[in-house]
PDB file of N, CA and C in Angstrom:
ATOM      1  N   MET A   1      -5.250  11.127   8.776  1.00  0.00           N
ATOM      2  CA  MET A   1      -3.900  12.366   8.549  1.00  0.00           C
ATOM      3  C   MET A   1      -2.749  11.472   8.215  1.00  0.00           C
ATOM      4  N   THR A   2      -2.535  11.213   8.511  1.00  0.00           N
ATOM      5  CA  THR A   2      -0.738  10.726   8.821  1.00  0.00           C
ATOM      6  C   THR A   2      -0.468   9.833   7.322  1.00  0.00           C
ATOM      7  N   ARG A   3      -1.458   9.106   6.676  1.00  0.00           N
ATOM      8  CA  ARG A   3      -0.748   9.024   5.187  1.00  0.00           C
ATOM      9  C   ARG A   3      -1.323  10.390   3.849  1.00  0.00           C
ATOM     10  N   ALA A   4      -2.211  11.302   4.908  1.00  0.00           N
ATOM     11  CA  ALA A   4      -1.961  11.976   3.726  1.00  0.00           C
ATOM     12  C   ALA A   4      -1.009  13.057   4.446  1.00  0.00           C
ATOM     13  N   TYR A   5      -0.029  13.203   5.743  1.00  0.00           N
ATOM     14  CA  TYR A   5       1.294  13.310   5.317  1.00  0.00           C
ATOM     15  C   TYR A   5       2.162  13.422   5.004  1.00  0.00           C
ATOM     16  N   ILE A   6       2.206  11.725   4.697  1.00  0.00           N
ATOM     17  CA  ILE A   6       3.189  11.054   3.971  1.00  0.00           C
ATOM     18  C   ILE A   6       2.797  11.575   2.245  1.00  0.00           C
ATOM     19  N   PHE A   7       2.069  11.611   2.094  1.00  0.00           N
ATOM     20  CA  PHE A   7       1.787  12.378   0.681  1.00  0.00           C
ATOM     21  C   PHE A   7       2.035  13.191  -0.303  1.00  0.00           C
ATOM     22  N   TYR A   8       1.640  14.080   1.152  1.00  0.00           N
ATOM     23  CA  TYR A   8       2.161  15.340   0.841  1.00  0.00           C
ATOM     24  C   TYR A   8       4.058  15.800   0.705  1.00  0.00           C
ATOM     25  N   LEU A   9       4.372  14.766   1.882  1.00  0.00           N
ATOM     26  CA  LEU A   9       6.274  14.609   1.734  1.00  0.00           C
ATOM     27  C   LEU A   9       7.225  13.922   0.744  1.00  0.00           C
ATOM     28  N   TRP A  10       5.802  12.987  -0.065  1.00  0.00           N
ATOM     29  CA  TRP A  10       5.890  12.514  -1.963  1.00  0.00           C
ATOM     30  C   TRP A  10       6.017  13.203  -2.866  1.00  0.00           C
ATOM     31  N   TRP A  11       4.881  13.934  -2.765  1.00  0.00           N
ATOM     32  CA  TRP A  11       4.732  14.838  -3.692  1.00  0.00           C
ATOM     33  C   TRP A  11       4.814  15.822  -3.565  1.00  0.00           C
ATOM     34  N   LEU A  12       6.210  16.394  -2.747  1.00  0.00           N
ATOM     35  CA  LEU A  12       6.798  17.637  -3.059  1.00  0.00           C
ATOM     36  C   LEU A  12       8.257  17.427  -2.634  1.00  0.00           C
ATOM     37  N   ASP A  13       8.760  16.244  -1.657  1.00  0.00           N
ATOM     38  CA  ASP A  13       9.767  15.214  -3.019  1.00  0.00           C
ATOM     39  C   ASP A  13       9.836  14.957  -4.129  1.00  0.00           C
ATOM     40  N   CYS A  14       8.947  14.593  -4.782  1.00  0.00           N
ATOM     41  CA  CYS A  14       9.125  14.474  -6.503  1.00  0.00           C
ATOM     42  C   CYS A  14       9.390  15.674  -7.284  1.00  0.00           C
ATOM     43  N   PHE A  15       8.561  16.451  -6.456  1.00  0.00           N
ATOM     44  CA  PHE A  15       8.301  18.408  -7.045  1.00  0.00           C
ATOM     45  C   PHE A  15      10.221  18.545  -7.112  1.00  0.00           C
ATOM     46  N   LEU A  16      10.298  18.200  -6.450  1.00  0.00           N
ATOM     47  CA  LEU A  16      11.526  18.799  -5.896  1.00  0.00           C
ATOM     48  C   LEU A  16      12.944  18.592  -6.899  1.00  0.00           C
ATOM     49  N   ALA A  17      12.561  17.092  -6.993  1.00  0.00           N
ATOM     50  CA  ALA A  17      13.037  15.884  -8.364  1.00  0.00           C
ATOM     51  C   ALA A  17      13.141  16.299  -9.116  1.00  0.00           C
ATOM     52  N   VAL A  18      11.973  16.898  -9.620  1.00  0.00           N
ATOM     53  CA  VAL A  18      11.499  17.062 -11.404  1.00  0.00           C
ATOM     54  C   VAL A  18      12.875  18.349 -11.564  1.00  0.00           C
ATOM     55  N   PHE A  19      12.247  19.267 -10.538  1.00  0.00           N
ATOM     56  CA  PHE A  19      12.306  20.370 -10.940  1.00  0.00           C
ATOM     57  C   PHE A  19      13.789  21.583 -10.878  1.00  0.00           C
ATOM     58  N   HIS A  20      14.648  20.716  -9.790  1.00  0.00           N
ATOM     59  CA  HIS A  20      15.806  20.768  -9.194  1.00  0.00           C
ATOM     60  C   HIS A  20      16.655  19.328  -9.880  1.00  0.00           C
ATOM     61  N   GLU A  21      16.783  17.902 -10.552  1.00  0.00           N
ATOM     62  CA  GLU A  21      17.223  17.838 -11.473  1.00  0.00           C
ATOM     63  C   GLU A  21      18.274  16.397 -10.468  1.00  0.00           C
ATOM     64  N   ARG A  22      17.670  16.228  -9.900  1.00  0.00           N
ATOM     65  CA  ARG A  22      18.287  15.130  -8.722  1.00  0.00           C
ATOM     66  C   ARG A  22      17.374  14.102  -8.284  1.00  0.00           C
ATOM     67  N   ALA A  23      17.625  12.451  -8.111  1.00  0.00           N
ATOM     68  CA  ALA A  23      16.913  11.529  -8.155  1.00  0.00           C
ATOM     69  C   ALA A  23      16.534  11.654  -6.985  1.00  0.00           C
ATOM     70  N   LEU A  24      15.528  10.920  -6.636  1.00  0.00           N
ATOM     71  CA  LEU A  24      14.672  10.285  -5.173  1.00  0.00           C
ATOM     72  C   LEU A  24      15.595   9.694  -4.245  1.00  0.00           C
ATOM     73  N   ASP A  25      15.468  10.754  -3.877  1.00  0.00           N
ATOM     74  CA  ASP A  25      16.337   9.996  -1.807  1.00  0.00           C
ATOM     75  C   ASP A  25      15.255   8.808  -1.432  1.00  0.00           C
ATOM     76  N   PHE A  26      16.129   8.397  -0.387  1.00  0.00           N
ATOM     77  CA  PHE A  26      15.692   7.378   0.250  1.00  0.00           C
ATOM     78  C   PHE A  26      14.517   7.790   0.640  1.00  0.00           C
ATOM     79  N   GLY A  27      13.941   8.609   1.556  1.00  0.00           N
ATOM     80  CA  GLY A  27      12.949   8.744   2.186  1.00  0.00           C
ATOM     81  C   GLY A  27      11.627   9.104   1.384  1.00  0.00           C
ATOM     82  N   ALA A  28      11.827   9.684  -0.073  1.00  0.00           N
ATOM     83  CA  ALA A  28      10.518   9.087  -1.154  1.00  0.00           C
ATOM     84  C   ALA A  28      10.307   7.716  -1.841  1.00  0.00           C
ATOM     85  N   ALA A  29      11.317   6.544  -1.890  1.00  0.00           N
ATOM     86  CA  ALA A  29      10.864   5.474  -1.672  1.00  0.00           C
ATOM     87  C   ALA A  29      10.037   4.980  -0.841  1.00  0.00           C
ATOM     88  N   VAL A  30      11.072   5.642   0.291  1.00  0.00           N
ATOM     89  CA  VAL A  30      10.364   4.961   1.208  1.00  0.00           C
ATOM     90  C   VAL A  30       8.190   5.205   0.901  1.00  0.00           C
ATOM     91  N   PHE A  31       8.430   6.807   1.110  1.00  0.00           N
ATOM     92  CA  PHE A  31       7.074   6.556   1.009  1.00  0.00           C
ATOM     93  C   PHE A  31       6.028   6.303  -0.246  1.00  0.00           C
ATOM     94  N   THR A  32       6.488   6.112  -0.864  1.00  0.00           N
ATOM     95  CA  THR A  32       6.116   6.010  -2.495  1.00  0.00           C
ATOM     96  C   THR A  32       6.046   4.212  -2.180  1.00  0.00           C
ATOM     97  N   ALA A  33       6.169   3.763  -1.377  1.00  0.00           N
ATOM     98  CA  ALA A  33       6.579   1.645  -0.485  1.00  0.00           C
ATOM     99  C   ALA A  33       5.405   2.101  -0.414  1.00  0.00           C
ATOM    100  N   ILE A  34       5.056   2.784   0.751  1.00  0.00           N
ATOM    101  CA  ILE A  34       4.179   2.444   1.720  1.00  0.00           C
ATOM    102  C   ILE A  34       2.877   3.140   1.380  1.00  0.00           C
ATOM    103  N   LEU A  35       3.225   4.047   0.223  1.00  0.00           N
ATOM    104  CA  LEU A  35       1.089   4.325  -0.750  1.00  0.00           C
ATOM    105  C   LEU A  35       1.420   3.848  -1.674  1.00  0.00           C
ATOM    106  N   LEU A  36       2.444   2.507  -1.588  1.00  0.00           N
ATOM    107  CA  LEU A  36       2.050   1.760  -3.078  1.00  0.00           C
ATOM    108  C   LEU A  36       1.096   0.991  -2.514  1.00  0.00           C
ATOM    109  N   LEU A  37       1.896   0.025  -1.372  1.00  0.00           N
ATOM    110  CA  LEU A  37       1.919  -1.307  -0.395  1.00  0.00           C
ATOM    111  C   LEU A  37       0.409  -1.079  -0.150  1.00  0.00           C
ATOM    112  N   ASP A  38       0.433  -0.119   0.633  1.00  0.00           N
ATOM    113  CA  ASP A  38      -0.278  -0.210   1.114  1.00  0.00           C
ATOM    114  C   ASP A  38      -2.098  -0.430   1.121  1.00  0.00           C
ATOM    115  N   PRO A  39      -2.503   0.359  -0.477  1.00  0.00           N
ATOM    116  CA  PRO A  39      -3.762  -0.995  -0.914  1.00  0.00           C
ATOM    117  C   PRO A  39      -3.837  -1.877  -1.488  1.00  0.00           C
ATOM    118  N   ILE A  40      -2.752  -2.423  -1.511  1.00  0.00           N
ATOM    119  CA  ILE A  40      -2.276  -3.685  -2.873  1.00  0.00           C
ATOM    120  C   ILE A  40      -3.056  -4.871  -1.096  1.00  0.00           C
ATOM    121  N   CYS A  41      -1.802  -4.553  -0.245  1.00  0.00           N
ATOM    122  CA  CYS A  41      -1.706  -5.440   1.086  1.00  0.00           C
ATOM    123  C   CYS A  41      -3.417  -5.606   1.819  1.00  0.00           C
ATOM    124  N   ARG A  42      -4.160  -4.629   2.212  1.00  0.00           N
ATOM    125  CA  ARG A  42      -5.442  -4.028   3.070  1.00  0.00           C
ATOM    126  C   ARG A  42      -6.573  -5.023   1.610  1.00  0.00           C
ATOM    127  N   ILE A  43      -6.061  -4.700   0.201  1.00  0.00           N
ATOM    128  CA  ILE A  43      -7.400  -5.943  -0.967  1.00  0.00           C
ATOM    129  C   ILE A  43      -6.451  -6.981  -1.057  1.00  0.00           C
ATOM    130  N   LEU A  44      -5.528  -7.576  -0.964  1.00  0.00           N
ATOM    131  CA  LEU A  44      -5.039  -9.471  -0.643  1.00  0.00           C
ATOM    132  C   LEU A  44      -5.526  -9.350   0.678  1.00  0.00           C
ATOM    133  N   VAL A  45      -6.082  -8.893   1.701  1.00  0.00           N
ATOM    134  CA  VAL A  45      -6.211  -9.715   3.217  1.00  0.00           C
ATOM    135  C   VAL A  45      -7.572  -8.987   2.685  1.00  0.00           C
ATOM    136  N   SER A  46      -7.922  -8.785   2.436  1.00  0.00           N
ATOM    137  CA  SER A  46     -10.049  -8.773   2.723  1.00  0.00           C
ATOM    138  C   SER A  46     -10.235  -9.453   1.855  1.00  0.00           C
ATOM    139  N   ASN A  47      -9.441 -10.169   0.020  1.00  0.00           N
ATOM    140  CA  ASN A  47      -9.975 -11.197  -0.068  1.00  0.00           C
ATOM    141  C   ASN A  47      -9.358 -12.401   0.012  1.00  0.00           C
ATOM    142  N   ILE A  48      -8.730 -12.469   1.112  1.00  0.00           N
ATOM    143  CA  ILE A  48      -8.202 -13.690   1.298  1.00  0.00           C
ATOM    144  C   ILE A  48      -9.202 -14.099   2.465  1.00  0.00           C
ATOM    145  N   ALA A  49      -9.426 -12.716   3.280  1.00  0.00           N
ATOM    146  CA  ALA A  49      -9.955 -13.220   5.135  1.00  0.00           C
ATOM    147  C   ALA A  49     -11.917 -13.651   4.324  1.00  0.00           C
ATOM    148  N   GLN A  50     -11.695 -13.154   3.046  1.00  0.00           N
ATOM    149  CA  GLN A  50     -13.847 -13.667   2.893  1.00  0.00           C
ATOM    150  C   GLN A  50     -14.139 -15.159   1.934  1.00  0.00           C
ATOM    151  N   THR A  51     -12.306 -15.460   1.517  1.00  0.00           N
ATOM    152  CA  THR A  51     -12.581 -16.914   0.372  1.00  0.00           C
ATOM    153  C   THR A  51     -12.274 -17.232   1.435  1.00  0.00           C
ATOM    154  N   LEU A  52     -11.558 -17.031   3.013  1.00  0.00           N
ATOM    155  CA  LEU A  52     -11.402 -18.766   3.963  1.00  0.00           C
ATOM    156  C   LEU A  52     -13.419 -18.051   3.723  1.00  0.00           C
ATOM    157  N   LYS A  53     -13.488 -17.318   4.872  1.00  0.00           N
ATOM    158  CA  LYS A  53     -14.689 -17.706   5.363  1.00  0.00           C
ATOM    159  C   LYS A  53     -15.766 -18.029   4.252  1.00  0.00           C
ATOM    160  N   ASN A  54     -15.504 -18.213   3.714  1.00  0.00           N
ATOM    161  CA  ASN A  54     -16.792 -18.799   2.732  1.00  0.00           C
ATOM    162  C   ASN A  54     -17.006 -20.186   2.291  1.00  0.00           C
ATOM    163  N   VAL A  55     -14.932 -20.737   2.359  1.00  0.00           N
ATOM    164  CA  VAL A  55     -14.836 -22.123   1.455  1.00  0.00           C
ATOM    165  C   VAL A  55     -14.903 -23.106   2.844  1.00  0.00           C
ATOM    166  N   LEU A  56     -13.696 -21.938   4.631  1.00  0.00           N
ATOM    167  CA  LEU A  56     -13.759 -23.376   5.364  1.00  0.00           C
ATOM    168  C   LEU A  56     -15.808 -23.861   5.401  1.00  0.00           C
ATOM    169  N   PRO A  57     -16.433 -23.599   5.747  1.00  0.00           N
ATOM    170  CA  PRO A  57     -17.154 -23.842   6.536  1.00  0.00           C
ATOM    171  C   PRO A  57     -17.957 -24.651   5.682  1.00  0.00           C
ATOM    172  N   VAL A  58     -17.727 -25.020   4.389  1.00  0.00           N
ATOM    173  CA  VAL A  58     -18.618 -25.403   3.204  1.00  0.00           C
ATOM    174  C   VAL A  58     -17.103 -26.944   3.564  1.00  0.00           C
ATOM    175  N   GLN A  59     -16.305 -26.498   3.991  1.00  0.00           N
ATOM    176  CA  GLN A  59     -15.299 -28.012   3.242  1.00  0.00           C
ATOM    177  C   GLN A  59     -14.906 -28.624   4.518  1.00  0.00           C
ATOM    178  N   ILE A  60     -15.821 -27.612   5.710  1.00  0.00           N
ATOM    179  CA  ILE A  60     -15.968 -28.262   7.629  1.00  0.00           C
ATOM    180  C   ILE A  60     -17.325 -29.435   7.072  1.00  0.00           C
ATOM    181  N   TYR A  61     -17.835 -28.609   6.926  1.00  0.00           N
ATOM    182  CA  TYR A  61     -19.341 -29.467   6.645  1.00  0.00           C
ATOM    183  C   TYR A  61     -18.810 -31.036   5.209  1.00  0.00           C
ATOM    184  N   ASN A  62     -18.837 -31.092   4.977  1.00  0.00           N
ATOM    185  CA  ASN A  62     -18.140 -31.731   3.904  1.00  0.00           C
ATOM    186  C   ASN A  62     -16.783 -32.746   3.754  1.00  0.00           C
ATOM    187  N   LEU A  63     -16.871 -32.834   5.576  1.00  0.00           N
ATOM    188  CA  LEU A  63     -16.249 -34.170   5.758  1.00  0.00           C
ATOM    189  C   LEU A  63     -17.095 -35.015   6.628  1.00  0.00           C
TER     190      LEU A  63
END
């Protein structure tokens, strides 16, 4: 629910910026960062966790 609300506000702000010829404000920059970084961070953390899950038991077993 929160992400959908932030996404709505971000698009509304972009719409106003384009059609009223004003720069994006700080709020839009924050919303953009949240929307872009959240999925990237989730993928990175998931990949790191999966790699550690696969590699660590083998490394410990080989010691």
